Amino acid sequence: EDHPASIAPGRLAAQCKRLIWSYLTQAE
């Protein structure tokens, strides 16, 4: 959507990987 609060698609994918990895492996 080229959303104004978004980041470049390649960076967004990398940040998603970081977010998901942390979410899956770090206890609350």
mmCIF file of all heavy atoms, coordinates in Angstrom:
data_MODEL
# 
_entry.id   MODEL 
# 
loop_
_atom_site.group_PDB 
_atom_site.id 
_atom_site.type_symbol 
_atom_site.label_atom_id 
_atom_site.label_alt_id 
_atom_site.label_comp_id 
_atom_site.label_asym_id 
_atom_site.label_entity_id 
_atom_site.label_seq_id 
_atom_site.pdbx_PDB_ins_code 
_atom_site.Cartn_x 
_atom_site.Cartn_y 
_atom_site.Cartn_z 
_atom_site.occupancy 
_atom_site.B_iso_or_equiv 
_atom_site.pdbx_formal_charge 
_atom_site.auth_seq_id 
_atom_site.auth_comp_id 
_atom_site.auth_asym_id 
_atom_site.auth_atom_id 
_atom_site.pdbx_PDB_model_num 
ATOM 1   N N   . GLU A 1 1  ? 0.803  -1.220  0.000  1.00 0.00 ? 1  GLU A N   1 
ATOM 2   C CA  . GLU A 1 1  ? 0.000  0.000   0.000  1.00 0.00 ? 1  GLU A CA  1 
ATOM 3   C C   . GLU A 1 1  ? 0.838  1.273   0.000  1.00 0.00 ? 1  GLU A C   1 
ATOM 4   O O   . GLU A 1 1  ? 0.294  2.359   -0.122 1.00 0.00 ? 1  GLU A O   1 
ATOM 5   C CB  . GLU A 1 1  ? -0.898 0.027   1.242  1.00 0.00 ? 1  GLU A CB  1 
ATOM 6   C CG  . GLU A 1 1  ? -1.961 -1.035  1.239  1.00 0.00 ? 1  GLU A CG  1 
ATOM 7   C CD  . GLU A 1 1  ? -2.689 -1.109  2.568  1.00 0.00 ? 1  GLU A CD  1 
ATOM 8   O OE1 . GLU A 1 1  ? -2.348 -0.352  3.501  1.00 0.00 ? 1  GLU A OE1 1 
ATOM 9   O OE2 . GLU A 1 1  ? -3.594 -1.942  2.682  1.00 0.00 ? 1  GLU A OE2 1 
ATOM 10  N N   . ASP A 1 2  ? 2.138  1.143   0.189  1.00 0.00 ? 2  ASP A N   1 
ATOM 11  C CA  . ASP A 1 2  ? 2.983  2.315   0.324  1.00 0.00 ? 2  ASP A CA  1 
ATOM 12  C C   . ASP A 1 2  ? 2.432  3.199   1.440  1.00 0.00 ? 2  ASP A C   1 
ATOM 13  O O   . ASP A 1 2  ? 2.290  4.407   1.305  1.00 0.00 ? 2  ASP A O   1 
ATOM 14  C CB  . ASP A 1 2  ? 3.067  3.084   -0.998 1.00 0.00 ? 2  ASP A CB  1 
ATOM 15  C CG  . ASP A 1 2  ? 4.209  4.094   -0.998 1.00 0.00 ? 2  ASP A CG  1 
ATOM 16  O OD1 . ASP A 1 2  ? 5.189  3.881   -0.261 1.00 0.00 ? 2  ASP A OD1 1 
ATOM 17  O OD2 . ASP A 1 2  ? 4.096  5.099   -1.710 1.00 0.00 ? 2  ASP A OD2 1 
ATOM 18  N N   . HIS A 1 3  ? 2.106  2.565   2.550  1.00 0.00 ? 3  HIS A N   1 
ATOM 19  C CA  . HIS A 1 3  ? 1.532  3.231   3.719  1.00 0.00 ? 3  HIS A CA  1 
ATOM 20  C C   . HIS A 1 3  ? 2.533  4.233   4.286  1.00 0.00 ? 3  HIS A C   1 
ATOM 21  O O   . HIS A 1 3  ? 3.721  3.955   4.352  1.00 0.00 ? 3  HIS A O   1 
ATOM 22  C CB  . HIS A 1 3  ? 1.188  2.167   4.764  1.00 0.00 ? 3  HIS A CB  1 
ATOM 23  C CG  . HIS A 1 3  ? 0.337  2.670   5.858  1.00 0.00 ? 3  HIS A CG  1 
ATOM 24  N ND1 . HIS A 1 3  ? 0.835  3.346   6.939  1.00 0.00 ? 3  HIS A ND1 1 
ATOM 25  C CD2 . HIS A 1 3  ? -1.005 2.583   6.053  1.00 0.00 ? 3  HIS A CD2 1 
ATOM 26  C CE1 . HIS A 1 3  ? -0.139 3.653   7.751  1.00 0.00 ? 3  HIS A CE1 1 
ATOM 27  N NE2 . HIS A 1 3  ? -1.267 3.208   7.241  1.00 0.00 ? 3  HIS A NE2 1 
ATOM 28  N N   . PRO A 1 4  ? 2.072  5.410   4.704  1.00 0.00 ? 4  PRO A N   1 
ATOM 29  C CA  . PRO A 1 4  ? 3.000  6.433   5.190  1.00 0.00 ? 4  PRO A CA  1 
ATOM 30  C C   . PRO A 1 4  ? 3.792  6.019   6.432  1.00 0.00 ? 4  PRO A C   1 
ATOM 31  O O   . PRO A 1 4  ? 4.879  6.530   6.665  1.00 0.00 ? 4  PRO A O   1 
ATOM 32  C CB  . PRO A 1 4  ? 2.111  7.638   5.482  1.00 0.00 ? 4  PRO A CB  1 
ATOM 33  C CG  . PRO A 1 4  ? 0.721  7.157   5.439  1.00 0.00 ? 4  PRO A CG  1 
ATOM 34  C CD  . PRO A 1 4  ? 0.697  5.867   4.666  1.00 0.00 ? 4  PRO A CD  1 
ATOM 35  N N   . ALA A 1 5  ? 3.274  5.092   7.218  1.00 0.00 ? 5  ALA A N   1 
ATOM 36  C CA  . ALA A 1 5  ? 3.985  4.659   8.428  1.00 0.00 ? 5  ALA A CA  1 
ATOM 37  C C   . ALA A 1 5  ? 4.808  3.399   8.180  1.00 0.00 ? 5  ALA A C   1 
ATOM 38  O O   . ALA A 1 5  ? 5.351  2.826   9.111  1.00 0.00 ? 5  ALA A O   1 
ATOM 39  C CB  . ALA A 1 5  ? 2.992  4.415   9.556  1.00 0.00 ? 5  ALA A CB  1 
ATOM 40  N N   . SER A 1 6  ? 4.895  2.967   6.949  1.00 0.00 ? 6  SER A N   1 
ATOM 41  C CA  . SER A 1 6  ? 5.621  1.746   6.629  1.00 0.00 ? 6  SER A CA  1 
ATOM 42  C C   . SER A 1 6  ? 7.080  2.055   6.309  1.00 0.00 ? 6  SER A C   1 
ATOM 43  O O   . SER A 1 6  ? 7.474  3.197   6.135  1.00 0.00 ? 6  SER A O   1 
ATOM 44  C CB  . SER A 1 6  ? 4.957  1.049   5.437  1.00 0.00 ? 6  SER A CB  1 
ATOM 45  O OG  . SER A 1 6  ? 5.479  -0.249  5.281  1.00 0.00 ? 6  SER A OG  1 
ATOM 46  N N   . ILE A 1 7  ? 7.871  0.992   6.223  1.00 0.00 ? 7  ILE A N   1 
ATOM 47  C CA  . ILE A 1 7  ? 9.269  1.111   5.827  1.00 0.00 ? 7  ILE A CA  1 
ATOM 48  C C   . ILE A 1 7  ? 9.456  0.353   4.515  1.00 0.00 ? 7  ILE A C   1 
ATOM 49  O O   . ILE A 1 7  ? 8.552  -0.365  4.083  1.00 0.00 ? 7  ILE A O   1 
ATOM 50  C CB  . ILE A 1 7  ? 10.217 0.600   6.929  1.00 0.00 ? 7  ILE A CB  1 
ATOM 51  C CG1 . ILE A 1 7  ? 9.923  -0.857  7.295  1.00 0.00 ? 7  ILE A CG1 1 
ATOM 52  C CG2 . ILE A 1 7  ? 10.132 1.473   8.159  1.00 0.00 ? 7  ILE A CG2 1 
ATOM 53  C CD1 . ILE A 1 7  ? 10.850 -1.440  8.331  1.00 0.00 ? 7  ILE A CD1 1 
ATOM 54  N N   . ALA A 1 8  ? 10.591 0.500   3.888  1.00 0.00 ? 8  ALA A N   1 
ATOM 55  C CA  . ALA A 1 8  ? 10.846 -0.153  2.606  1.00 0.00 ? 8  ALA A CA  1 
ATOM 56  C C   . ALA A 1 8  ? 10.595 -1.659  2.726  1.00 0.00 ? 8  ALA A C   1 
ATOM 57  O O   . ALA A 1 8  ? 10.913 -2.267  3.753  1.00 0.00 ? 8  ALA A O   1 
ATOM 58  C CB  . ALA A 1 8  ? 12.283 0.103   2.169  1.00 0.00 ? 8  ALA A CB  1 
ATOM 59  N N   . PRO A 1 9  ? 10.000 -2.276  1.692  1.00 0.00 ? 9  PRO A N   1 
ATOM 60  C CA  . PRO A 1 9  ? 9.627  -3.697  1.772  1.00 0.00 ? 9  PRO A CA  1 
ATOM 61  C C   . PRO A 1 9  ? 10.750 -4.631  2.218  1.00 0.00 ? 9  PRO A C   1 
ATOM 62  O O   . PRO A 1 9  ? 10.525 -5.512  3.043  1.00 0.00 ? 9  PRO A O   1 
ATOM 63  C CB  . PRO A 1 9  ? 9.160  -4.022  0.352  1.00 0.00 ? 9  PRO A CB  1 
ATOM 64  C CG  . PRO A 1 9  ? 8.645  -2.716  -0.166 1.00 0.00 ? 9  PRO A CG  1 
ATOM 65  C CD  . PRO A 1 9  ? 9.559  -1.674  0.433  1.00 0.00 ? 9  PRO A CD  1 
ATOM 66  N N   . GLY A 1 10 ? 11.965 -4.456  1.725  1.00 0.00 ? 10 GLY A N   1 
ATOM 67  C CA  . GLY A 1 10 ? 13.067 -5.325  2.143  1.00 0.00 ? 10 GLY A CA  1 
ATOM 68  C C   . GLY A 1 10 ? 13.386 -5.177  3.615  1.00 0.00 ? 10 GLY A C   1 
ATOM 69  O O   . GLY A 1 10 ? 13.617 -6.156  4.323  1.00 0.00 ? 10 GLY A O   1 
ATOM 70  N N   . ARG A 1 11 ? 13.373 -3.959  4.087  1.00 0.00 ? 11 ARG A N   1 
ATOM 71  C CA  . ARG A 1 11 ? 13.606 -3.703  5.518  1.00 0.00 ? 11 ARG A CA  1 
ATOM 72  C C   . ARG A 1 11 ? 12.426 -4.205  6.342  1.00 0.00 ? 11 ARG A C   1 
ATOM 73  O O   . ARG A 1 11 ? 12.619 -4.705  7.441  1.00 0.00 ? 11 ARG A O   1 
ATOM 74  C CB  . ARG A 1 11 ? 13.817 -2.205  5.771  1.00 0.00 ? 11 ARG A CB  1 
ATOM 75  C CG  . ARG A 1 11 ? 15.039 -1.640  5.155  1.00 0.00 ? 11 ARG A CG  1 
ATOM 76  C CD  . ARG A 1 11 ? 16.224 -1.428  6.074  1.00 0.00 ? 11 ARG A CD  1 
ATOM 77  N NE  . ARG A 1 11 ? 15.899 -0.927  7.394  1.00 0.00 ? 11 ARG A NE  1 
ATOM 78  C CZ  . ARG A 1 11 ? 16.361 -1.497  8.516  1.00 0.00 ? 11 ARG A CZ  1 
ATOM 79  N NH1 . ARG A 1 11 ? 17.140 -2.542  8.454  1.00 0.00 ? 11 ARG A NH1 1 
ATOM 80  N NH2 . ARG A 1 11 ? 16.053 -0.994  9.681  1.00 0.00 ? 11 ARG A NH2 1 
ATOM 81  N N   . LEU A 1 12 ? 11.230 -4.048  5.808  1.00 0.00 ? 12 LEU A N   1 
ATOM 82  C CA  . LEU A 1 12 ? 10.048 -4.514  6.525  1.00 0.00 ? 12 LEU A CA  1 
ATOM 83  C C   . LEU A 1 12 ? 10.102 -6.024  6.721  1.00 0.00 ? 12 LEU A C   1 
ATOM 84  O O   . LEU A 1 12 ? 9.827  -6.532  7.810  1.00 0.00 ? 12 LEU A O   1 
ATOM 85  C CB  . LEU A 1 12 ? 8.776  -4.111  5.783  1.00 0.00 ? 12 LEU A CB  1 
ATOM 86  C CG  . LEU A 1 12 ? 7.451  -4.452  6.456  1.00 0.00 ? 12 LEU A CG  1 
ATOM 87  C CD1 . LEU A 1 12 ? 7.357  -3.829  7.844  1.00 0.00 ? 12 LEU A CD1 1 
ATOM 88  C CD2 . LEU A 1 12 ? 6.287  -3.991  5.598  1.00 0.00 ? 12 LEU A CD2 1 
ATOM 89  N N   . ALA A 1 13 ? 10.489 -6.761  5.695  1.00 0.00 ? 13 ALA A N   1 
ATOM 90  C CA  . ALA A 1 13 ? 10.608 -8.214  5.819  1.00 0.00 ? 13 ALA A CA  1 
ATOM 91  C C   . ALA A 1 13 ? 11.658 -8.576  6.861  1.00 0.00 ? 13 ALA A C   1 
ATOM 92  O O   . ALA A 1 13 ? 11.437 -9.462  7.702  1.00 0.00 ? 13 ALA A O   1 
ATOM 93  C CB  . ALA A 1 13 ? 10.946 -8.838  4.466  1.00 0.00 ? 13 ALA A CB  1 
ATOM 94  N N   . ALA A 1 14 ? 12.787 -7.901  6.847  1.00 0.00 ? 14 ALA A N   1 
ATOM 95  C CA  . ALA A 1 14 ? 13.846 -8.173  7.831  1.00 0.00 ? 14 ALA A CA  1 
ATOM 96  C C   . ALA A 1 14 ? 13.361 -7.877  9.250  1.00 0.00 ? 14 ALA A C   1 
ATOM 97  O O   . ALA A 1 14 ? 13.637 -8.638  10.185 1.00 0.00 ? 14 ALA A O   1 
ATOM 98  C CB  . ALA A 1 14 ? 15.092 -7.347  7.506  1.00 0.00 ? 14 ALA A CB  1 
ATOM 99  N N   . GLN A 1 15 ? 12.631 -6.779  9.407  1.00 0.00 ? 15 GLN A N   1 
ATOM 100 C CA  . GLN A 1 15 ? 12.114 -6.430  10.731 1.00 0.00 ? 15 GLN A CA  1 
ATOM 101 C C   . GLN A 1 15 ? 11.040 -7.426  11.191 1.00 0.00 ? 15 GLN A C   1 
ATOM 102 O O   . GLN A 1 15 ? 10.934 -7.727  12.373 1.00 0.00 ? 15 GLN A O   1 
ATOM 103 C CB  . GLN A 1 15 ? 11.583 -5.001  10.739 1.00 0.00 ? 15 GLN A CB  1 
ATOM 104 C CG  . GLN A 1 15 ? 12.658 -3.951  10.556 1.00 0.00 ? 15 GLN A CG  1 
ATOM 105 C CD  . GLN A 1 15 ? 13.717 -4.001  11.647 1.00 0.00 ? 15 GLN A CD  1 
ATOM 106 O OE1 . GLN A 1 15 ? 13.411 -4.084  12.827 1.00 0.00 ? 15 GLN A OE1 1 
ATOM 107 N NE2 . GLN A 1 15 ? 14.972 -3.963  11.239 1.00 0.00 ? 15 GLN A NE2 1 
ATOM 108 N N   . CYS A 1 16 ? 10.250 -7.929  10.241 1.00 0.00 ? 16 CYS A N   1 
ATOM 109 C CA  . CYS A 1 16 ? 9.259  -8.962  10.586 1.00 0.00 ? 16 CYS A CA  1 
ATOM 110 C C   . CYS A 1 16 ? 9.953  -10.219 11.104 1.00 0.00 ? 16 CYS A C   1 
ATOM 111 O O   . CYS A 1 16 ? 9.503  -10.840 12.075 1.00 0.00 ? 16 CYS A O   1 
ATOM 112 C CB  . CYS A 1 16 ? 8.394  -9.317  9.378  1.00 0.00 ? 16 CYS A CB  1 
ATOM 113 S SG  . CYS A 1 16 ? 7.088  -8.142  9.041  1.00 0.00 ? 16 CYS A SG  1 
ATOM 114 N N   . LYS A 1 17 ? 11.036 -10.605 10.454 1.00 0.00 ? 17 LYS A N   1 
ATOM 115 C CA  . LYS A 1 17 ? 11.788 -11.785 10.904 1.00 0.00 ? 17 LYS A CA  1 
ATOM 116 C C   . LYS A 1 17 ? 12.302 -11.572 12.326 1.00 0.00 ? 17 LYS A C   1 
ATOM 117 O O   . LYS A 1 17 ? 12.202 -12.470 13.168 1.00 0.00 ? 17 LYS A O   1 
ATOM 118 C CB  . LYS A 1 17 ? 12.944 -12.079 9.948  1.00 0.00 ? 17 LYS A CB  1 
ATOM 119 C CG  . LYS A 1 17 ? 12.470 -12.585 8.601  1.00 0.00 ? 17 LYS A CG  1 
ATOM 120 C CD  . LYS A 1 17 ? 13.613 -12.757 7.609  1.00 0.00 ? 17 LYS A CD  1 
ATOM 121 C CE  . LYS A 1 17 ? 13.075 -13.201 6.249  1.00 0.00 ? 17 LYS A CE  1 
ATOM 122 N NZ  . LYS A 1 17 ? 14.149 -13.383 5.259  1.00 0.00 ? 17 LYS A NZ  1 
ATOM 123 N N   . ARG A 1 18 ? 12.816 -10.394 12.579 1.00 0.00 ? 18 ARG A N   1 
ATOM 124 C CA  . ARG A 1 18 ? 13.320 -10.086 13.925 1.00 0.00 ? 18 ARG A CA  1 
ATOM 125 C C   . ARG A 1 18 ? 12.195 -10.120 14.955 1.00 0.00 ? 18 ARG A C   1 
ATOM 126 O O   . ARG A 1 18 ? 12.329 -10.703 16.036 1.00 0.00 ? 18 ARG A O   1 
ATOM 127 C CB  . ARG A 1 18 ? 13.977 -8.713  13.898 1.00 0.00 ? 18 ARG A CB  1 
ATOM 128 C CG  . ARG A 1 18 ? 14.547 -8.288  15.199 1.00 0.00 ? 18 ARG A CG  1 
ATOM 129 C CD  . ARG A 1 18 ? 15.198 -6.933  15.085 1.00 0.00 ? 18 ARG A CD  1 
ATOM 130 N NE  . ARG A 1 18 ? 15.722 -6.546  16.392 1.00 0.00 ? 18 ARG A NE  1 
ATOM 131 C CZ  . ARG A 1 18 ? 16.268 -5.394  16.637 1.00 0.00 ? 18 ARG A CZ  1 
ATOM 132 N NH1 . ARG A 1 18 ? 16.390 -4.505  15.680 1.00 0.00 ? 18 ARG A NH1 1 
ATOM 133 N NH2 . ARG A 1 18 ? 16.707 -5.114  17.839 1.00 0.00 ? 18 ARG A NH2 1 
ATOM 134 N N   . LEU A 1 19 ? 11.097 -9.491  14.623 1.00 0.00 ? 19 LEU A N   1 
ATOM 135 C CA  . LEU A 1 19 ? 9.938  -9.451  15.522 1.00 0.00 ? 19 LEU A CA  1 
ATOM 136 C C   . LEU A 1 19 ? 9.429  -10.854 15.818 1.00 0.00 ? 19 LEU A C   1 
ATOM 137 O O   . LEU A 1 19 ? 9.201  -11.228 16.976 1.00 0.00 ? 19 LEU A O   1 
ATOM 138 C CB  . LEU A 1 19 ? 8.829  -8.609  14.886 1.00 0.00 ? 19 LEU A CB  1 
ATOM 139 C CG  . LEU A 1 19 ? 7.498  -8.589  15.620 1.00 0.00 ? 19 LEU A CG  1 
ATOM 140 C CD1 . LEU A 1 19 ? 7.514  -7.483  16.653 1.00 0.00 ? 19 LEU A CD1 1 
ATOM 141 C CD2 . LEU A 1 19 ? 6.366  -8.367  14.639 1.00 0.00 ? 19 LEU A CD2 1 
ATOM 142 N N   . ILE A 1 20 ? 9.247  -11.645 14.773 1.00 0.00 ? 20 ILE A N   1 
ATOM 143 C CA  . ILE A 1 20 ? 8.691  -12.989 14.942 1.00 0.00 ? 20 ILE A CA  1 
ATOM 144 C C   . ILE A 1 20 ? 9.647  -13.890 15.708 1.00 0.00 ? 20 ILE A C   1 
ATOM 145 O O   . ILE A 1 20 ? 9.228  -14.638 16.597 1.00 0.00 ? 20 ILE A O   1 
ATOM 146 C CB  . ILE A 1 20 ? 8.313  -13.580 13.565 1.00 0.00 ? 20 ILE A CB  1 
ATOM 147 C CG1 . ILE A 1 20 ? 7.107  -12.818 13.009 1.00 0.00 ? 20 ILE A CG1 1 
ATOM 148 C CG2 . ILE A 1 20 ? 8.032  -15.071 13.653 1.00 0.00 ? 20 ILE A CG2 1 
ATOM 149 C CD1 . ILE A 1 20 ? 6.802  -13.097 11.557 1.00 0.00 ? 20 ILE A CD1 1 
ATOM 150 N N   . TRP A 1 21 ? 10.934 -13.818 15.393 1.00 0.00 ? 21 TRP A N   1 
ATOM 151 C CA  . TRP A 1 21 ? 11.908 -14.641 16.104 1.00 0.00 ? 21 TRP A CA  1 
ATOM 152 C C   . TRP A 1 21 ? 11.877 -14.325 17.601 1.00 0.00 ? 21 TRP A C   1 
ATOM 153 O O   . TRP A 1 21 ? 11.831 -15.227 18.437 1.00 0.00 ? 21 TRP A O   1 
ATOM 154 C CB  . TRP A 1 21 ? 13.312 -14.434 15.532 1.00 0.00 ? 21 TRP A CB  1 
ATOM 155 C CG  . TRP A 1 21 ? 14.340 -15.223 16.281 1.00 0.00 ? 21 TRP A CG  1 
ATOM 156 C CD1 . TRP A 1 21 ? 15.261 -14.746 17.167 1.00 0.00 ? 21 TRP A CD1 1 
ATOM 157 C CD2 . TRP A 1 21 ? 14.513 -16.642 16.252 1.00 0.00 ? 21 TRP A CD2 1 
ATOM 158 N NE1 . TRP A 1 21 ? 16.003 -15.777 17.674 1.00 0.00 ? 21 TRP A NE1 1 
ATOM 159 C CE2 . TRP A 1 21 ? 15.556 -16.951 17.126 1.00 0.00 ? 21 TRP A CE2 1 
ATOM 160 C CE3 . TRP A 1 21 ? 13.878 -17.673 15.569 1.00 0.00 ? 21 TRP A CE3 1 
ATOM 161 C CZ2 . TRP A 1 21 ? 15.996 -18.254 17.346 1.00 0.00 ? 21 TRP A CZ2 1 
ATOM 162 C CZ3 . TRP A 1 21 ? 14.310 -18.977 15.780 1.00 0.00 ? 21 TRP A CZ3 1 
ATOM 163 C CH2 . TRP A 1 21 ? 15.359 -19.260 16.654 1.00 0.00 ? 21 TRP A CH2 1 
ATOM 164 N N   . SER A 1 22 ? 11.885 -13.044 17.937 1.00 0.00 ? 22 SER A N   1 
ATOM 165 C CA  . SER A 1 22 ? 11.841 -12.651 19.349 1.00 0.00 ? 22 SER A CA  1 
ATOM 166 C C   . SER A 1 22 ? 10.548 -13.118 20.009 1.00 0.00 ? 22 SER A C   1 
ATOM 167 O O   . SER A 1 22 ? 10.569 -13.634 21.123 1.00 0.00 ? 22 SER A O   1 
ATOM 168 C CB  . SER A 1 22 ? 11.975 -11.131 19.485 1.00 0.00 ? 22 SER A CB  1 
ATOM 169 O OG  . SER A 1 22 ? 13.237 -10.713 19.037 1.00 0.00 ? 22 SER A OG  1 
ATOM 170 N N   . TYR A 1 23 ? 9.443  -12.923 19.317 1.00 0.00 ? 23 TYR A N   1 
ATOM 171 C CA  . TYR A 1 23 ? 8.138  -13.336 19.845 1.00 0.00 ? 23 TYR A CA  1 
ATOM 172 C C   . TYR A 1 23 ? 8.106  -14.837 20.132 1.00 0.00 ? 23 TYR A C   1 
ATOM 173 O O   . TYR A 1 23 ? 7.615  -15.276 21.175 1.00 0.00 ? 23 TYR A O   1 
ATOM 174 C CB  . TYR A 1 23 ? 7.040  -12.947 18.861 1.00 0.00 ? 23 TYR A CB  1 
ATOM 175 C CG  . TYR A 1 23 ? 5.680  -13.518 19.189 1.00 0.00 ? 23 TYR A CG  1 
ATOM 176 C CD1 . TYR A 1 23 ? 4.951  -13.059 20.278 1.00 0.00 ? 23 TYR A CD1 1 
ATOM 177 C CD2 . TYR A 1 23 ? 5.133  -14.520 18.397 1.00 0.00 ? 23 TYR A CD2 1 
ATOM 178 C CE1 . TYR A 1 23 ? 3.703  -13.585 20.576 1.00 0.00 ? 23 TYR A CE1 1 
ATOM 179 C CE2 . TYR A 1 23 ? 3.880  -15.053 18.690 1.00 0.00 ? 23 TYR A CE2 1 
ATOM 180 C CZ  . TYR A 1 23 ? 3.174  -14.585 19.775 1.00 0.00 ? 23 TYR A CZ  1 
ATOM 181 O OH  . TYR A 1 23 ? 1.937  -15.110 20.072 1.00 0.00 ? 23 TYR A OH  1 
ATOM 182 N N   . LEU A 1 24 ? 8.630  -15.625 19.213 1.00 0.00 ? 24 LEU A N   1 
ATOM 183 C CA  . LEU A 1 24 ? 8.563  -17.080 19.369 1.00 0.00 ? 24 LEU A CA  1 
ATOM 184 C C   . LEU A 1 24 ? 9.512  -17.623 20.425 1.00 0.00 ? 24 LEU A C   1 
ATOM 185 O O   . LEU A 1 24 ? 9.232  -18.659 21.032 1.00 0.00 ? 24 LEU A O   1 
ATOM 186 C CB  . LEU A 1 24 ? 8.858  -17.768 18.035 1.00 0.00 ? 24 LEU A CB  1 
ATOM 187 C CG  . LEU A 1 24 ? 7.828  -17.599 16.930 1.00 0.00 ? 24 LEU A CG  1 
ATOM 188 C CD1 . LEU A 1 24 ? 8.321  -18.244 15.642 1.00 0.00 ? 24 LEU A CD1 1 
ATOM 189 C CD2 . LEU A 1 24 ? 6.470  -18.173 17.335 1.00 0.00 ? 24 LEU A CD2 1 
ATOM 190 N N   . THR A 1 25 ? 10.619 -16.954 20.651 1.00 0.00 ? 25 THR A N   1 
ATOM 191 C CA  . THR A 1 25 ? 11.660 -17.549 21.493 1.00 0.00 ? 25 THR A CA  1 
ATOM 192 C C   . THR A 1 25 ? 11.843 -16.897 22.855 1.00 0.00 ? 25 THR A C   1 
ATOM 193 O O   . THR A 1 25 ? 12.511 -17.473 23.714 1.00 0.00 ? 25 THR A O   1 
ATOM 194 C CB  . THR A 1 25 ? 13.014 -17.538 20.756 1.00 0.00 ? 25 THR A CB  1 
ATOM 195 O OG1 . THR A 1 25 ? 13.378 -16.190 20.446 1.00 0.00 ? 25 THR A OG1 1 
ATOM 196 C CG2 . THR A 1 25 ? 12.943 -18.376 19.486 1.00 0.00 ? 25 THR A CG2 1 
ATOM 197 N N   . GLN A 1 26 ? 11.283 -15.725 23.066 1.00 0.00 ? 26 GLN A N   1 
ATOM 198 C CA  . GLN A 1 26 ? 11.463 -15.035 24.347 1.00 0.00 ? 26 GLN A CA  1 
ATOM 199 C C   . GLN A 1 26 ? 10.228 -15.198 25.225 1.00 0.00 ? 26 GLN A C   1 
ATOM 200 O O   . GLN A 1 26 ? 9.127  -14.871 24.804 1.00 0.00 ? 26 GLN A O   1 
ATOM 201 C CB  . GLN A 1 26 ? 11.730 -13.542 24.122 1.00 0.00 ? 26 GLN A CB  1 
ATOM 202 C CG  . GLN A 1 26 ? 12.932 -13.259 23.256 1.00 0.00 ? 26 GLN A CG  1 
ATOM 203 C CD  . GLN A 1 26 ? 14.211 -13.806 23.853 1.00 0.00 ? 26 GLN A CD  1 
ATOM 204 O OE1 . GLN A 1 26 ? 14.496 -13.580 25.031 1.00 0.00 ? 26 GLN A OE1 1 
ATOM 205 N NE2 . GLN A 1 26 ? 14.982 -14.513 23.048 1.00 0.00 ? 26 GLN A NE2 1 
ATOM 206 N N   . ALA A 1 27 ? 10.440 -15.689 26.424 1.00 0.00 ? 27 ALA A N   1 
ATOM 207 C CA  . ALA A 1 27 ? 9.328  -15.833 27.363 1.00 0.00 ? 27 ALA A CA  1 
ATOM 208 C C   . ALA A 1 27 ? 8.836  -14.456 27.790 1.00 0.00 ? 27 ALA A C   1 
ATOM 209 O O   . ALA A 1 27 ? 9.597  -13.484 27.805 1.00 0.00 ? 27 ALA A O   1 
ATOM 210 C CB  . ALA A 1 27 ? 9.768  -16.635 28.581 1.00 0.00 ? 27 ALA A CB  1 
ATOM 211 N N   . GLU A 1 28 ? 7.568  -14.394 28.115 1.00 0.00 ? 28 GLU A N   1 
ATOM 212 C CA  . GLU A 1 28 ? 6.992  -13.129 28.598 1.00 0.00 ? 28 GLU A CA  1 
ATOM 213 C C   . GLU A 1 28 ? 7.667  -12.750 29.903 1.00 0.00 ? 28 GLU A C   1 
ATOM 214 O O   . GLU A 1 28 ? 7.796  -13.565 30.809 1.00 0.00 ? 28 GLU A O   1 
ATOM 215 C CB  . GLU A 1 28 ? 5.486  -13.307 28.802 1.00 0.00 ? 28 GLU A CB  1 
ATOM 216 C CG  . GLU A 1 28 ? 4.781  -12.033 29.120 1.00 0.00 ? 28 GLU A CG  1 
ATOM 217 C CD  . GLU A 1 28 ? 3.273  -12.210 29.186 1.00 0.00 ? 28 GLU A CD  1 
ATOM 218 O OE1 . GLU A 1 28 ? 2.726  -12.987 28.414 1.00 0.00 ? 28 GLU A OE1 1 
ATOM 219 O OE2 . GLU A 1 28 ? 2.679  -11.542 30.041 1.00 0.00 ? 28 GLU A OE2 1 
# 
